[in-house]
């Protein structure tokens, strides 16, 4: 796959088929993840692949609890402050993922150490790009960041080694089609040599398209 096709079409895929992901594809995804850059080449990460139906059934209520906190207008005052309204289409998409979370074929967890946790995210993105090359959809979720103790207990994560969960990729073959995600044009979110200064080039439309390959 052309690298630009992977970059432009790797977007959140939350509607997934229940078909299992072959182990050889999982191996390529994980191997790509650990090739990501890390500060001082310290590789301060640990990844956990979860496809056991029992574990997924135990994790699903945590996801539902986080989602309910966001969508339930009567959530307690101790809950996380309400986030910005989610577009209706996205809300339906996330709701579908939450409802079918136990049937997601593969969960790809990224754990890290607090002092160098930023290295985890390039690795997770590498995993998403590799998954795209395999025809596998993925979405980065932070559901489990809200329930670390419960998550650690379910997954058997050591509690005394300083690990924190920084993200979980849901992975599976998508029911929908790949496409270039709609985004605000580059000149609205970037500048050159000054916050609002002109970029010096035109990128008002996507610079890659399927027709270009």
C-alpha atoms as a PDB file:
ATOM      1  CA  UNK A   1       0.000   0.000   0.000  1.00  0.00           C
ATOM      2  CA  UNK A   2       1.196   3.508  -0.828  1.00  0.00           C
ATOM      3  CA  UNK A   3       2.230   5.294   2.349  1.00  0.00           C
ATOM      4  CA  UNK A   4       0.053   8.318   1.540  1.00  0.00           C
ATOM      5  CA  UNK A   5      -2.981   6.111   1.035  1.00  0.00           C
ATOM      6  CA  UNK A   6      -2.416   4.691   4.518  1.00  0.00           C
ATOM      7  CA  UNK A   7      -1.930   8.151   6.023  1.00  0.00           C
ATOM      8  CA  UNK A   8      -4.979   9.693   4.361  1.00  0.00           C
ATOM      9  CA  UNK A   9      -7.419   6.829   4.855  1.00  0.00           C
ATOM     10  CA  UNK A  10      -6.543   5.551   8.326  1.00  0.00           C
ATOM     11  CA  UNK A  11      -9.487   6.972  10.245  1.00  0.00           C
ATOM     12  CA  UNK A  12     -11.662   5.838  13.123  1.00  0.00           C
ATOM     13  CA  UNK A  13     -13.497   2.646  12.202  1.00  0.00           C
ATOM     14  CA  UNK A  14     -15.964   1.729  14.956  1.00  0.00           C
ATOM     15  CA  UNK A  15     -18.366  -0.561  13.111  1.00  0.00           C
ATOM     16  CA  UNK A  16     -16.522  -3.849  12.896  1.00  0.00           C
ATOM     17  CA  UNK A  17     -17.240  -7.374  11.759  1.00  0.00           C
ATOM     18  CA  UNK A  18     -16.833 -10.105  14.395  1.00  0.00           C
ATOM     19  CA  UNK A  19     -14.421 -12.043  12.168  1.00  0.00           C
ATOM     20  CA  UNK A  20     -11.183 -12.932  14.013  1.00  0.00           C
ATOM     21  CA  UNK A  21      -7.917 -11.328  12.957  1.00  0.00           C
ATOM     22  CA  UNK A  22      -5.307 -13.913  11.886  1.00  0.00           C
ATOM     23  CA  UNK A  23      -2.298 -14.243  14.154  1.00  0.00           C
ATOM     24  CA  UNK A  24       0.150 -13.477  11.353  1.00  0.00           C
ATOM     25  CA  UNK A  25      -1.590 -10.132  10.771  1.00  0.00           C
ATOM     26  CA  UNK A  26      -1.514  -9.427  14.509  1.00  0.00           C
ATOM     27  CA  UNK A  27       2.209 -10.197  14.522  1.00  0.00           C
ATOM     28  CA  UNK A  28       2.882  -7.704  11.725  1.00  0.00           C
ATOM     29  CA  UNK A  29       0.834  -5.017  13.486  1.00  0.00           C
ATOM     30  CA  UNK A  30       2.641  -5.493  16.792  1.00  0.00           C
ATOM     31  CA  UNK A  31       6.059  -5.641  15.129  1.00  0.00           C
ATOM     32  CA  UNK A  32       5.302  -2.360  13.348  1.00  0.00           C
ATOM     33  CA  UNK A  33       4.206  -0.791  16.639  1.00  0.00           C
ATOM     34  CA  UNK A  34       7.482  -1.498  18.417  1.00  0.00           C
ATOM     35  CA  UNK A  35       9.452   0.094  15.548  1.00  0.00           C
ATOM     36  CA  UNK A  36       8.052   3.518  16.445  1.00  0.00           C
ATOM     37  CA  UNK A  37      10.391   6.212  17.782  1.00  0.00           C
ATOM     38  CA  UNK A  38      10.872   6.359  21.545  1.00  0.00           C
ATOM     39  CA  UNK A  39      12.733   8.872  23.700  1.00  0.00           C
ATOM     40  CA  UNK A  40      16.401   7.859  24.103  1.00  0.00           C
ATOM     41  CA  UNK A  41      15.350   4.548  22.532  1.00  0.00           C
ATOM     42  CA  UNK A  42      14.112   3.607  25.996  1.00  0.00           C
ATOM     43  CA  UNK A  43      11.027   1.819  24.650  1.00  0.00           C
ATOM     44  CA  UNK A  44       9.072   2.527  27.864  1.00  0.00           C
ATOM     45  CA  UNK A  45       6.006   0.624  26.796  1.00  0.00           C
ATOM     46  CA  UNK A  46       4.177  -2.650  27.125  1.00  0.00           C
ATOM     47  CA  UNK A  47       1.449  -3.821  24.791  1.00  0.00           C
ATOM     48  CA  UNK A  48      -1.328  -6.242  25.536  1.00  0.00           C
ATOM     49  CA  UNK A  49      -3.379  -7.960  22.858  1.00  0.00           C
ATOM     50  CA  UNK A  50      -6.770  -9.159  24.055  1.00  0.00           C
ATOM     51  CA  UNK A  51      -8.987 -11.476  22.045  1.00  0.00           C
ATOM     52  CA  UNK A  52     -10.277 -13.725  24.831  1.00  0.00           C
ATOM     53  CA  UNK A  53     -14.113 -13.517  24.871  1.00  0.00           C
ATOM     54  CA  UNK A  54     -14.272 -13.752  28.657  1.00  0.00           C
ATOM     55  CA  UNK A  55     -11.865 -10.856  29.185  1.00  0.00           C
ATOM     56  CA  UNK A  56     -13.735  -8.730  26.660  1.00  0.00           C
ATOM     57  CA  UNK A  57     -17.024  -9.402  28.457  1.00  0.00           C
ATOM     58  CA  UNK A  58     -15.463  -8.203  31.709  1.00  0.00           C
ATOM     59  CA  UNK A  59     -14.043  -5.076  30.078  1.00  0.00           C
ATOM     60  CA  UNK A  60     -17.235  -4.093  28.250  1.00  0.00           C
ATOM     61  CA  UNK A  61     -19.065  -2.764  31.360  1.00  0.00           C
ATOM     62  CA  UNK A  62     -16.209  -0.316  31.995  1.00  0.00           C
ATOM     63  CA  UNK A  63     -16.643   1.071  28.484  1.00  0.00           C
ATOM     64  CA  UNK A  64     -20.385   1.336  28.979  1.00  0.00           C
ATOM     65  CA  UNK A  65     -19.891   3.173  32.282  1.00  0.00           C
ATOM     66  CA  UNK A  66     -17.648   5.801  30.676  1.00  0.00           C
ATOM     67  CA  UNK A  67     -20.078   6.272  27.811  1.00  0.00           C
ATOM     68  CA  UNK A  68     -23.021   6.625  30.181  1.00  0.00           C
ATOM     69  CA  UNK A  69     -21.167   9.289  32.139  1.00  0.00           C
ATOM     70  CA  UNK A  70     -20.936  11.333  28.982  1.00  0.00           C
ATOM     71  CA  UNK A  71     -24.433  10.768  27.669  1.00  0.00           C
ATOM     72  CA  UNK A  72     -26.461  10.672  30.868  1.00  0.00           C
ATOM     73  CA  UNK A  73     -27.600  14.186  31.718  1.00  0.00           C
ATOM     74  CA  UNK A  74     -28.195  13.135  35.308  1.00  0.00           C
ATOM     75  CA  UNK A  75     -24.603  12.014  35.932  1.00  0.00           C
ATOM     76  CA  UNK A  76     -23.359  12.789  39.428  1.00  0.00           C
ATOM     77  CA  UNK A  77     -21.429  15.970  40.168  1.00  0.00           C
ATOM     78  CA  UNK A  78     -18.328  13.869  40.793  1.00  0.00           C
ATOM     79  CA  UNK A  79     -18.308  12.627  37.213  1.00  0.00           C
ATOM     80  CA  UNK A  80     -15.994  14.088  34.622  1.00  0.00           C
ATOM     81  CA  UNK A  81     -17.246  17.475  33.377  1.00  0.00           C
ATOM     82  CA  UNK A  82     -19.298  17.205  30.229  1.00  0.00           C
ATOM     83  CA  UNK A  83     -17.261  17.413  27.053  1.00  0.00           C
ATOM     84  CA  UNK A  84     -18.194  19.430  23.985  1.00  0.00           C
ATOM     85  CA  UNK A  85     -21.280  18.105  22.188  1.00  0.00           C
ATOM     86  CA  UNK A  86     -20.476  15.218  19.877  1.00  0.00           C
ATOM     87  CA  UNK A  87     -21.831  15.306  16.310  1.00  0.00           C
ATOM     88  CA  UNK A  88     -24.843  13.032  15.928  1.00  0.00           C
ATOM     89  CA  UNK A  89     -23.202  10.716  13.402  1.00  0.00           C
ATOM     90  CA  UNK A  90     -20.149  10.268  15.622  1.00  0.00           C
ATOM     91  CA  UNK A  91     -22.338   9.703  18.667  1.00  0.00           C
ATOM     92  CA  UNK A  92     -24.151   6.900  16.864  1.00  0.00           C
ATOM     93  CA  UNK A  93     -20.821   5.425  15.769  1.00  0.00           C
ATOM     94  CA  UNK A  94     -19.357   5.470  19.282  1.00  0.00           C
ATOM     95  CA  UNK A  95     -22.619   4.143  20.680  1.00  0.00           C
ATOM     96  CA  UNK A  96     -22.443   1.217  18.274  1.00  0.00           C
ATOM     97  CA  UNK A  97     -18.891   0.438  19.391  1.00  0.00           C
ATOM     98  CA  UNK A  98     -19.912   0.581  23.046  1.00  0.00           C
ATOM     99  CA  UNK A  99     -22.924  -1.668  22.473  1.00  0.00           C
ATOM    100  CA  UNK A 100     -20.847  -4.260  20.606  1.00  0.00           C
ATOM    101  CA  UNK A 101     -17.600  -3.887  22.522  1.00  0.00           C
ATOM    102  CA  UNK A 102     -17.522  -7.496  23.700  1.00  0.00           C
ATOM    103  CA  UNK A 103     -17.630  -8.616  20.059  1.00  0.00           C
ATOM    104  CA  UNK A 104     -14.662  -6.501  18.914  1.00  0.00           C
ATOM    105  CA  UNK A 105     -12.186  -9.047  17.491  1.00  0.00           C
ATOM    106  CA  UNK A 106      -9.017  -7.557  18.981  1.00  0.00           C
ATOM    107  CA  UNK A 107      -8.152  -5.024  21.670  1.00  0.00           C
ATOM    108  CA  UNK A 108      -4.639  -3.588  21.465  1.00  0.00           C
ATOM    109  CA  UNK A 109      -3.665  -1.923  24.759  1.00  0.00           C
ATOM    110  CA  UNK A 110      -0.757   0.467  25.151  1.00  0.00           C
ATOM    111  CA  UNK A 111       0.796   0.873  28.601  1.00  0.00           C
ATOM    112  CA  UNK A 112       3.603   3.214  29.541  1.00  0.00           C
ATOM    113  CA  UNK A 113       5.560   4.834  32.329  1.00  0.00           C
ATOM    114  CA  UNK A 114       4.441   8.353  33.335  1.00  0.00           C
ATOM    115  CA  UNK A 115       7.821  10.024  32.769  1.00  0.00           C
ATOM    116  CA  UNK A 116       7.979   8.922  29.119  1.00  0.00           C
ATOM    117  CA  UNK A 117       4.440   8.032  28.223  1.00  0.00           C
ATOM    118  CA  UNK A 118       4.486  10.133  25.050  1.00  0.00           C
ATOM    119  CA  UNK A 119       6.413   7.333  23.332  1.00  0.00           C
ATOM    120  CA  UNK A 120       3.339   5.107  23.566  1.00  0.00           C
ATOM    121  CA  UNK A 121       1.278   7.169  21.120  1.00  0.00           C
ATOM    122  CA  UNK A 122       3.608   6.941  18.084  1.00  0.00           C
ATOM    123  CA  UNK A 123       3.643   3.177  18.657  1.00  0.00           C
ATOM    124  CA  UNK A 124      -0.147   3.011  18.734  1.00  0.00           C
ATOM    125  CA  UNK A 125      -0.294   5.074  15.542  1.00  0.00           C
ATOM    126  CA  UNK A 126       2.197   2.713  13.900  1.00  0.00           C
ATOM    127  CA  UNK A 127      -0.138  -0.113  14.859  1.00  0.00           C
ATOM    128  CA  UNK A 128      -3.086   1.688  13.290  1.00  0.00           C
ATOM    129  CA  UNK A 129      -1.204   2.288  10.046  1.00  0.00           C
ATOM    130  CA  UNK A 130      -0.084  -1.330   9.913  1.00  0.00           C
ATOM    131  CA  UNK A 131      -3.651  -2.444  10.567  1.00  0.00           C
ATOM    132  CA  UNK A 132      -4.831  -0.259   7.690  1.00  0.00           C
ATOM    133  CA  UNK A 133      -2.310  -1.972   5.408  1.00  0.00           C
ATOM    134  CA  UNK A 134      -3.890  -5.285   6.450  1.00  0.00           C
ATOM    135  CA  UNK A 135      -7.400  -4.013   5.685  1.00  0.00           C
ATOM    136  CA  UNK A 136      -8.161  -3.852   9.407  1.00  0.00           C
ATOM    137  CA  UNK A 137      -9.979  -0.886  10.929  1.00  0.00           C
ATOM    138  CA  UNK A 138      -9.057   0.612  14.280  1.00  0.00           C
ATOM    139  CA  UNK A 139     -10.000   3.346  16.712  1.00  0.00           C
ATOM    140  CA  UNK A 140      -7.982   4.820  19.559  1.00  0.00           C
ATOM    141  CA  UNK A 141     -10.044   4.853  22.744  1.00  0.00           C
ATOM    142  CA  UNK A 142      -9.236   6.116  26.219  1.00  0.00           C
ATOM    143  CA  UNK A 143     -12.165   4.440  27.974  1.00  0.00           C
ATOM    144  CA  UNK A 144      -9.928   2.451  30.282  1.00  0.00           C
ATOM    145  CA  UNK A 145      -7.897   5.448  31.409  1.00  0.00           C
ATOM    146  CA  UNK A 146     -10.896   6.236  33.642  1.00  0.00           C
ATOM    147  CA  UNK A 147     -10.878   2.853  35.381  1.00  0.00           C
ATOM    148  CA  UNK A 148      -7.215   1.861  35.750  1.00  0.00           C
ATOM    149  CA  UNK A 149      -7.638  -0.265  38.879  1.00  0.00           C
ATOM    150  CA  UNK A 150     -10.491  -2.288  37.414  1.00  0.00           C
ATOM    151  CA  UNK A 151      -8.684  -2.631  34.090  1.00  0.00           C
ATOM    152  CA  UNK A 152      -5.467  -3.765  35.748  1.00  0.00           C
ATOM    153  CA  UNK A 153      -7.340  -6.337  37.820  1.00  0.00           C
ATOM    154  CA  UNK A 154      -9.080  -7.803  34.772  1.00  0.00           C
ATOM    155  CA  UNK A 155      -5.919  -7.940  32.670  1.00  0.00           C
ATOM    156  CA  UNK A 156      -3.462  -8.931  35.388  1.00  0.00           C
ATOM    157  CA  UNK A 157      -1.318  -5.817  35.004  1.00  0.00           C
ATOM    158  CA  UNK A 158       1.287  -5.442  37.810  1.00  0.00           C
ATOM    159  CA  UNK A 159       0.166  -2.715  40.185  1.00  0.00           C
ATOM    160  CA  UNK A 160       3.574  -1.918  41.705  1.00  0.00           C
ATOM    161  CA  UNK A 161       5.673  -1.270  38.599  1.00  0.00           C
ATOM    162  CA  UNK A 162       4.392   2.185  37.684  1.00  0.00           C
ATOM    163  CA  UNK A 163       2.437   1.218  34.579  1.00  0.00           C
ATOM    164  CA  UNK A 164      -0.416   3.337  33.324  1.00  0.00           C
ATOM    165  CA  UNK A 165      -2.849   2.617  30.524  1.00  0.00           C
ATOM    166  CA  UNK A 166      -2.692   5.299  27.827  1.00  0.00           C
ATOM    167  CA  UNK A 167      -4.914   3.904  25.126  1.00  0.00           C
ATOM    168  CA  UNK A 168      -6.700   0.927  23.697  1.00  0.00           C
ATOM    169  CA  UNK A 169      -7.101   0.317  19.978  1.00  0.00           C
ATOM    170  CA  UNK A 170     -10.228  -1.542  18.946  1.00  0.00           C
ATOM    171  CA  UNK A 171      -9.439  -3.561  15.824  1.00  0.00           C
ATOM    172  CA  UNK A 172     -11.471  -5.515  13.306  1.00  0.00           C
ATOM    173  CA  UNK A 173     -12.453  -5.711   9.674  1.00  0.00           C
ATOM    174  CA  UNK A 174     -14.741  -2.722   9.061  1.00  0.00           C
ATOM    175  CA  UNK A 175     -18.278  -2.904   7.734  1.00  0.00           C
ATOM    176  CA  UNK A 176     -17.870   0.492   6.065  1.00  0.00           C
ATOM    177  CA  UNK A 177     -15.637   1.853   3.341  1.00  0.00           C
ATOM    178  CA  UNK A 178     -12.250   3.466   3.597  1.00  0.00           C
ATOM    179  CA  UNK A 179     -12.049   7.116   2.650  1.00  0.00           C
ATOM    180  CA  UNK A 180     -10.279  10.401   3.226  1.00  0.00           C
ATOM    181  CA  UNK A 181     -11.543  11.932   6.462  1.00  0.00           C
ATOM    182  CA  UNK A 182     -13.033  15.423   6.210  1.00  0.00           C
ATOM    183  CA  UNK A 183     -10.811  17.981   7.900  1.00  0.00           C
ATOM    184  CA  UNK A 184     -10.518  21.756   8.125  1.00  0.00           C
ATOM    185  CA  UNK A 185      -8.035  22.903   5.461  1.00  0.00           C
ATOM    186  CA  UNK A 186      -4.410  23.251   6.476  1.00  0.00           C
ATOM    187  CA  UNK A 187      -4.322  27.049   6.234  1.00  0.00           C
ATOM    188  CA  UNK A 188      -6.992  27.277   8.945  1.00  0.00           C
ATOM    189  CA  UNK A 189      -4.974  25.343  11.493  1.00  0.00           C
ATOM    190  CA  UNK A 190      -1.355  26.195  10.640  1.00  0.00           C
ATOM    191  CA  UNK A 191       0.954  29.117   9.900  1.00  0.00           C
ATOM    192  CA  UNK A 192       4.546  29.805   8.908  1.00  0.00           C
ATOM    193  CA  UNK A 193       6.857  31.954  11.021  1.00  0.00           C
ATOM    194  CA  UNK A 194       3.833  33.355  12.844  1.00  0.00           C
ATOM    195  CA  UNK A 195       0.576  32.052  14.284  1.00  0.00           C
ATOM    196  CA  UNK A 196      -1.667  33.349  11.516  1.00  0.00           C
ATOM    197  CA  UNK A 197       0.948  33.977   8.857  1.00  0.00           C
ATOM    198  CA  UNK A 198       0.424  32.538   5.341  1.00  0.00           C
ATOM    199  CA  UNK A 199       1.835  29.100   4.694  1.00  0.00           C
ATOM    200  CA  UNK A 200       3.203  29.938   1.267  1.00  0.00           C
ATOM    201  CA  UNK A 201       1.458  27.019  -0.439  1.00  0.00           C
ATOM    202  CA  UNK A 202      -2.074  25.926  -1.162  1.00  0.00           C
ATOM    203  CA  UNK A 203      -3.398  22.887   0.673  1.00  0.00           C
ATOM    204  CA  UNK A 204      -7.061  23.877   0.727  1.00  0.00           C
ATOM    205  CA  UNK A 205      -8.004  20.449  -0.644  1.00  0.00           C
ATOM    206  CA  UNK A 206      -6.550  17.016   0.190  1.00  0.00           C
ATOM    207  CA  UNK A 207      -3.237  16.637  -1.604  1.00  0.00           C
ATOM    208  CA  UNK A 208      -3.784  12.914  -2.021  1.00  0.00           C
ATOM    209  CA  UNK A 209      -6.820  11.201  -3.493  1.00  0.00           C
ATOM    210  CA  UNK A 210      -7.581   7.659  -4.688  1.00  0.00           C
ATOM    211  CA  UNK A 211      -7.507   8.945  -8.267  1.00  0.00           C
ATOM    212  CA  UNK A 212      -3.891  10.022  -7.791  1.00  0.00           C
ATOM    213  CA  UNK A 213      -2.675   6.440  -7.352  1.00  0.00           C
END
